[in-house]
Amino acid sequence: MFKRLFLTRNVAWWDRILRLIPAAIALWAYLAGQLNGPLAFAFGVVSAMLLVTSLTGTCSIYGMFGLSTLRKNRN
């Protein structure tokens, strides 16, 4: 079960980019002083999760539900 949730790649390249964009925007907003206090913390946690799934190509939520945006090789 651990392997299916955390080690199986299930995020396609386009999905990884879509996850990276909000993380970058939240970082920019924090550095520009637009986010502060509890809102900055909440956005930071969500952005960190999006960044990790974007970099690793694995999403544990997709794994729990058996979903994947990554195409299987048809060889």
Protein backbone atom coordinates (compact mmCIF):
# COMPACT_ATOMS: atom_id res chain seq x y z
CA MET A 1 0.00 0.00 0.00
CA PHE A 2 2.88 2.38 0.81
CA LYS A 3 4.35 1.84 -2.64
CA ARG A 4 1.05 2.60 -4.38
CA LEU A 5 0.49 5.80 -2.38
CA PHE A 6 3.97 7.29 -2.31
CA LEU A 7 6.26 5.63 -4.86
CA THR A 8 4.16 5.11 -7.98
CA ARG A 9 4.38 7.98 -10.46
CA ASN A 10 0.85 9.05 -11.32
CA VAL A 11 1.15 12.73 -12.30
CA ALA A 12 1.61 13.67 -15.96
CA TRP A 13 3.93 16.48 -17.11
CA TRP A 14 1.06 18.89 -17.76
CA ASP A 15 -0.41 18.17 -14.32
CA ARG A 16 2.98 18.83 -12.73
CA ILE A 17 3.15 22.25 -14.42
CA LEU A 18 -0.39 23.09 -13.30
CA ARG A 19 0.62 22.26 -9.73
CA LEU A 20 3.81 24.31 -9.94
CA ILE A 21 2.09 27.52 -11.10
CA PRO A 22 0.01 28.20 -7.93
CA ALA A 23 3.00 27.31 -5.74
CA ALA A 24 5.13 29.88 -7.58
CA ILE A 25 2.38 32.52 -7.38
CA ALA A 26 1.98 31.97 -3.63
CA LEU A 27 5.75 32.28 -3.13
CA TRP A 28 5.81 35.47 -5.18
CA ALA A 29 2.87 36.92 -3.19
CA TYR A 30 4.59 36.11 0.10
CA LEU A 31 7.90 37.64 -0.97
CA ALA A 32 6.10 40.73 -2.30
CA GLY A 33 4.41 41.20 1.08
CA GLN A 34 0.89 40.43 -0.16
CA LEU A 35 0.45 37.43 2.15
CA ASN A 36 0.99 37.52 5.89
CA GLY A 37 -0.24 35.94 9.09
CA PRO A 38 -2.39 32.79 9.12
CA LEU A 39 -3.25 33.18 5.44
CA ALA A 40 0.44 33.04 4.52
CA PHE A 41 0.84 29.87 6.61
CA ALA A 42 -2.17 28.19 4.94
CA PHE A 43 -0.99 29.11 1.45
CA GLY A 44 2.52 27.96 2.40
CA VAL A 45 1.33 24.50 3.44
CA VAL A 46 -0.77 24.03 0.31
CA SER A 47 2.02 25.37 -1.89
CA ALA A 48 4.56 23.03 -0.30
CA MET A 49 2.29 20.06 -1.01
CA LEU A 50 1.83 21.16 -4.61
CA LEU A 51 5.56 21.71 -5.02
CA VAL A 52 6.47 18.27 -3.65
CA THR A 53 3.95 16.47 -5.86
CA SER A 54 5.14 18.50 -8.83
CA LEU A 55 8.80 17.64 -8.25
CA THR A 56 8.29 13.96 -7.44
CA GLY A 57 5.51 13.17 -9.91
CA THR A 58 3.54 11.28 -7.28
CA CYS A 59 0.28 12.28 -5.63
CA SER A 60 -0.87 10.26 -2.63
CA ILE A 61 -4.46 11.44 -3.06
CA TYR A 62 -4.46 10.09 -6.63
CA GLY A 63 -2.98 6.87 -5.23
CA MET A 64 -5.73 6.49 -2.61
CA PHE A 65 -8.43 6.74 -5.25
CA GLY A 66 -6.57 4.79 -7.95
CA LEU A 67 -6.38 7.82 -10.27
CA SER A 68 -3.57 8.81 -12.60
CA THR A 69 -3.03 11.49 -15.23
CA LEU A 70 0.08 9.69 -16.44
CA ARG A 71 -0.42 7.63 -19.59
CA LYS A 72 0.65 4.03 -19.52
CA ASN A 73 3.06 2.87 -22.24
CA ARG A 74 1.23 0.93 -24.92
CA ASN A 75 4.21 -1.16 -26.02
